[in-house]
Protein backbone atom coordinates (compact mmCIF):
# COMPACT_ATOMS: atom_id res chain seq x y z
CA UNK A 1 -5.98 54.37 10.36
CA UNK A 2 -3.46 51.84 9.11
CA UNK A 3 -3.95 48.25 10.18
CA UNK A 4 -2.21 44.94 9.65
CA UNK A 5 -2.55 43.08 6.35
CA UNK A 6 -5.34 40.54 6.28
CA UNK A 7 -6.36 40.32 2.62
CA UNK A 8 -4.49 37.15 1.68
CA UNK A 9 -5.98 35.38 4.68
CA UNK A 10 -9.51 36.52 3.83
CA UNK A 11 -9.14 35.32 0.25
CA UNK A 12 -7.70 32.01 1.48
CA UNK A 13 -10.65 31.49 3.82
CA UNK A 14 -13.15 32.33 1.08
CA UNK A 15 -11.45 29.80 -1.17
CA UNK A 16 -11.72 27.08 1.46
CA UNK A 17 -15.39 27.90 1.97
CA UNK A 18 -15.98 27.69 -1.77
CA UNK A 19 -14.64 24.13 -1.67
CA UNK A 20 -17.48 23.31 0.74
CA UNK A 21 -20.14 25.02 -1.37
CA UNK A 22 -22.37 21.96 -1.30
CA UNK A 23 -23.02 22.58 2.39
CA UNK A 24 -23.66 26.30 2.07
CA UNK A 25 -27.27 26.05 0.88
CA UNK A 26 -28.19 23.80 3.81
CA UNK A 27 -26.74 26.27 6.29
CA UNK A 28 -28.39 29.24 4.62
CA UNK A 29 -31.78 27.50 4.62
CA UNK A 30 -31.41 27.00 8.37
CA UNK A 31 -30.48 30.66 8.85
CA UNK A 32 -33.40 31.90 6.74
CA UNK A 33 -35.81 29.62 8.61
CA UNK A 34 -34.63 30.72 12.07
CA UNK A 35 -34.51 34.39 11.08
CA UNK A 36 -38.11 34.22 9.84
CA UNK A 37 -39.22 32.41 12.99
CA UNK A 38 -37.62 34.97 15.30
CA UNK A 39 -38.39 38.18 13.41
CA UNK A 40 -41.20 37.40 10.98
CA UNK A 41 -41.22 36.83 7.23
CA UNK A 42 -41.09 40.48 6.11
CA UNK A 43 -37.58 41.54 5.02
CA UNK A 44 -38.57 45.21 5.44
CA UNK A 45 -38.84 44.76 9.20
CA UNK A 46 -36.42 41.85 9.70
CA UNK A 47 -32.82 42.82 8.83
CA UNK A 48 -31.48 39.41 9.82
CA UNK A 49 -33.82 37.73 7.34
CA UNK A 50 -32.89 40.21 4.64
CA UNK A 51 -29.18 39.47 5.14
CA UNK A 52 -29.79 35.72 5.03
CA UNK A 53 -31.84 35.98 1.83
CA UNK A 54 -29.19 38.22 0.24
CA UNK A 55 -26.58 35.57 1.02
CA UNK A 56 -28.83 32.92 -0.51
CA UNK A 57 -29.17 34.92 -3.71
CA UNK A 58 -25.39 35.45 -3.84
CA UNK A 59 -25.03 31.65 -3.71
CA UNK A 60 -27.56 31.25 -6.56
CA UNK A 61 -30.14 29.61 -4.32
CA UNK A 62 -33.45 29.18 -6.20
CA UNK A 63 -36.22 31.59 -5.20
CA UNK A 64 -38.52 28.64 -4.40
CA UNK A 65 -36.03 27.29 -1.85
CA UNK A 66 -35.81 30.69 -0.19
CA UNK A 67 -39.60 31.10 -0.09
CA UNK A 68 -40.11 27.65 1.45
CA UNK A 69 -37.55 28.41 4.15
CA UNK A 70 -39.27 31.70 4.95
CA UNK A 71 -42.68 30.00 5.02
CA UNK A 72 -41.40 27.27 7.34
CA UNK A 73 -39.89 29.82 9.69
CA UNK A 74 -42.97 32.01 9.76
CA UNK A 75 -45.25 29.03 10.44
CA UNK A 76 -46.92 28.76 7.04
CA UNK A 77 -45.32 25.35 6.41
CA UNK A 78 -44.40 22.54 8.77
CA UNK A 79 -40.70 21.89 9.33
CA UNK A 80 -37.92 21.11 11.75
CA UNK A 81 -37.56 23.53 14.67
CA UNK A 82 -33.92 24.58 14.92
CA UNK A 83 -32.38 26.02 18.07
CA UNK A 84 -29.40 28.38 18.10
CA UNK A 85 -26.50 27.36 20.35
CA UNK A 86 -23.04 28.85 20.80
CA UNK A 87 -20.05 26.88 22.05
CA UNK A 88 -16.75 28.38 23.18
CA UNK A 89 -13.37 26.72 23.39
CA UNK A 90 -9.65 26.79 22.84
CA UNK A 91 -7.54 25.69 19.91
CA UNK A 92 -3.79 25.32 19.46
CA UNK A 93 -1.77 27.42 21.93
CA UNK A 94 -5.00 28.50 23.58
CA UNK A 95 -6.38 30.35 20.54
CA UNK A 96 -9.97 31.42 21.22
CA UNK A 97 -12.71 29.69 19.21
CA UNK A 98 -16.45 30.38 18.98
CA UNK A 99 -18.70 27.83 17.26
CA UNK A 100 -22.21 28.93 16.31
CA UNK A 101 -24.68 26.11 15.67
CA UNK A 102 -28.29 25.50 14.69
CA UNK A 103 -29.63 22.14 15.72
CA UNK A 104 -32.68 20.03 16.41
CA UNK A 105 -30.68 17.80 18.77
CA UNK A 106 -28.43 19.54 21.33
CA UNK A 107 -27.09 16.26 22.73
CA UNK A 108 -25.77 15.23 19.31
CA UNK A 109 -24.35 18.67 18.58
CA UNK A 110 -22.38 19.15 21.78
CA UNK A 111 -20.95 15.62 21.46
CA UNK A 112 -19.80 16.33 17.88
CA UNK A 113 -18.27 19.70 18.79
CA UNK A 114 -16.50 18.30 21.87
CA UNK A 115 -15.12 15.40 19.82
CA UNK A 116 -13.75 17.75 17.13
CA UNK A 117 -12.01 19.90 19.72
CA UNK A 118 -10.49 16.90 21.48
CA UNK A 119 -9.39 15.10 18.31
CA UNK A 120 -7.53 18.08 16.88
CA UNK A 121 -5.72 19.47 19.89
CA UNK A 122 -8.27 21.84 21.39
CA UNK A 123 -10.77 21.68 24.20
CA UNK A 124 -14.35 22.81 24.73
CA UNK A 125 -14.73 25.60 27.28
CA UNK A 126 -17.63 26.90 29.33
CA UNK A 127 -20.14 29.59 28.36
CA UNK A 128 -18.42 32.98 28.45
CA UNK A 129 -14.91 31.54 28.53
CA UNK A 130 -13.79 33.32 25.34
CA UNK A 131 -16.74 35.45 24.16
CA UNK A 132 -15.27 38.53 25.85
CA UNK A 133 -12.32 38.28 23.44
CA UNK A 134 -14.61 39.02 20.48
CA UNK A 135 -16.76 41.95 19.34
CA UNK A 136 -20.19 41.33 17.84
CA UNK A 137 -20.30 43.68 14.87
CA UNK A 138 -21.04 44.28 11.21
CA UNK A 139 -18.00 43.84 8.98
CA UNK A 140 -17.42 44.98 5.39
CA UNK A 141 -14.22 44.13 3.53
CA UNK A 142 -13.31 45.87 0.27
CA UNK A 143 -10.63 44.58 -2.07
CA UNK A 144 -7.31 46.37 -2.53
CA UNK A 145 -7.67 49.24 -4.96
CA UNK A 146 -10.94 50.50 -3.47
CA UNK A 147 -10.83 54.18 -2.52
CA UNK A 148 -10.47 54.35 1.25
CA UNK A 149 -11.59 58.01 1.24
CA UNK A 150 -14.80 57.15 -0.61
CA UNK A 151 -15.53 54.17 1.62
CA UNK A 152 -14.85 56.22 4.74
CA UNK A 153 -17.11 59.08 3.72
CA UNK A 154 -20.03 56.80 2.90
CA UNK A 155 -19.52 54.52 5.89
CA UNK A 156 -19.24 57.19 8.56
CA UNK A 157 -22.18 59.16 7.16
CA UNK A 158 -24.27 55.97 7.37
CA UNK A 159 -23.35 55.36 11.01
CA UNK A 160 -20.37 53.01 10.78
CA UNK A 161 -18.04 52.83 13.76
CA UNK A 162 -14.59 52.60 12.17
CA UNK A 163 -12.73 52.31 8.86
CA UNK A 164 -9.23 50.82 8.54
CA UNK A 165 -6.92 49.80 5.71
CA UNK A 166 -4.33 47.04 5.51
CA UNK A 167 -0.87 47.04 3.97
CA UNK A 168 -2.20 45.77 0.62
CA UNK A 169 -4.84 48.45 0.31
CA UNK A 170 -7.84 46.42 1.45
CA UNK A 171 -10.39 48.44 3.43
CA UNK A 172 -12.38 47.21 6.43
CA UNK A 173 -15.50 48.87 7.82
CA UNK A 174 -16.93 48.01 11.24
CA UNK A 175 -20.44 48.88 12.42
CA UNK A 176 -22.71 48.05 15.30
CA UNK A 177 -24.99 45.11 14.37
CA UNK A 178 -28.10 47.30 14.39
CA UNK A 179 -26.44 49.74 11.95
CA UNK A 180 -25.36 47.02 9.50
CA UNK A 181 -28.38 47.30 7.18
CA UNK A 182 -28.12 51.10 6.93
CA UNK A 183 -24.40 50.95 6.11
CA UNK A 184 -24.98 48.20 3.53
CA UNK A 185 -27.76 50.25 1.91
CA UNK A 186 -25.45 53.26 1.70
CA UNK A 187 -22.76 51.22 -0.05
CA UNK A 188 -25.32 49.70 -2.43
CA UNK A 189 -26.67 53.13 -3.38
CA UNK A 190 -23.11 54.34 -4.05
CA UNK A 191 -22.36 51.30 -6.22
CA UNK A 192 -19.70 49.98 -3.83
CA UNK A 193 -19.81 46.21 -3.34
CA UNK A 194 -17.88 44.70 -0.46
CA UNK A 195 -16.21 41.33 -1.03
CA UNK A 196 -17.36 40.38 2.46
CA UNK A 197 -20.38 41.89 4.24
CA UNK A 198 -21.54 40.03 7.33
CA UNK A 199 -22.46 40.33 10.98
CA UNK A 200 -19.64 38.51 12.77
CA UNK A 201 -17.82 37.83 16.02
CA UNK A 202 -14.58 39.73 15.36
CA UNK A 203 -11.56 38.85 17.55
CA UNK A 204 -10.23 41.82 19.49
CA UNK A 205 -6.69 40.46 19.23
CA UNK A 206 -5.37 38.06 16.61
CA UNK A 207 -2.49 35.59 16.82
CA UNK A 208 -0.66 34.58 13.63
CA UNK A 209 0.06 30.86 13.27
CA UNK A 210 2.83 29.44 11.09
CA UNK A 211 4.23 26.00 10.27
CA UNK A 212 3.01 22.93 12.15
CA UNK A 213 0.84 24.93 14.54
CA UNK A 214 -0.90 26.59 11.60
CA UNK A 215 -1.60 23.20 10.01
CA UNK A 216 -2.95 21.80 13.29
CA UNK A 217 -5.16 24.84 13.87
CA UNK A 218 -6.50 24.64 10.32
CA UNK A 219 -7.41 20.98 10.84
CA UNK A 220 -9.39 21.91 13.95
CA UNK A 221 -11.24 24.70 12.13
CA UNK A 222 -11.98 22.40 9.18
CA UNK A 223 -13.26 19.68 11.49
CA UNK A 224 -15.64 22.07 13.24
CA UNK A 225 -16.85 23.64 9.98
CA UNK A 226 -17.56 20.21 8.52
CA UNK A 227 -20.12 19.35 11.23
CA UNK A 228 -23.71 19.37 9.99
CA UNK A 229 -24.99 21.54 12.84
CA UNK A 230 -22.25 24.19 12.68
CA UNK A 231 -23.12 27.49 11.00
CA UNK A 232 -20.00 29.59 11.67
CA UNK A 233 -16.60 29.24 13.33
CA UNK A 234 -14.78 32.33 14.62
CA UNK A 235 -11.25 32.29 16.00
CA UNK A 236 -8.50 34.62 17.15
CA UNK A 237 -6.04 32.49 15.16
CA UNK A 238 -4.83 33.83 11.80
CA UNK A 239 -3.41 31.07 9.61
CA UNK A 240 -0.39 32.43 7.71
CA UNK A 241 -0.69 31.85 3.95
């Protein structure tokens, strides 16, 4: 079950996200609000809401902020109605890019996303143009030094789909989205904490970028992630670090 090394890149990406921490609360509040609107305000029956609240707590978001977002989403408080939109496009050398947004103004959002693509060497595609190159799944990443045998036993018993390790000893677990909560619960009960645990769009094939192309691709990703309406950016490009 050996796989290619990805740990340095994951840590690099987490570091870049930490630099933008001031925006994280805003994005999480949107996610909590939309999750509550779509699935109700009870975390016991709404796994998406539970995941969003867990992320909020990990980012030290005050409980009052979380409660207000849930109340807005479930209709107990007035608030902005956000709509989920996904854009697909191409980056440097045709690397696939998916941009997930939440917005109250689709005209503004598509203009901002199109401008970012065009300015930094990419182009916005049509719906479905690159989505088939990604797998919608739950992803858990454990730091090097974690016992792969222990992770594998717990993960597969809980319904995970696959377990792989990279050259540095990091362990990745993949699950179907609807099995994510059960797998996470199993890890929590065993006292195993993943450095990353999310439901993501995982590229089926990755392309490693070096040198000038890596710098150009990173600028495009940064430009998209800096937009107010953007929640997540997924790409088949791996920026060498």
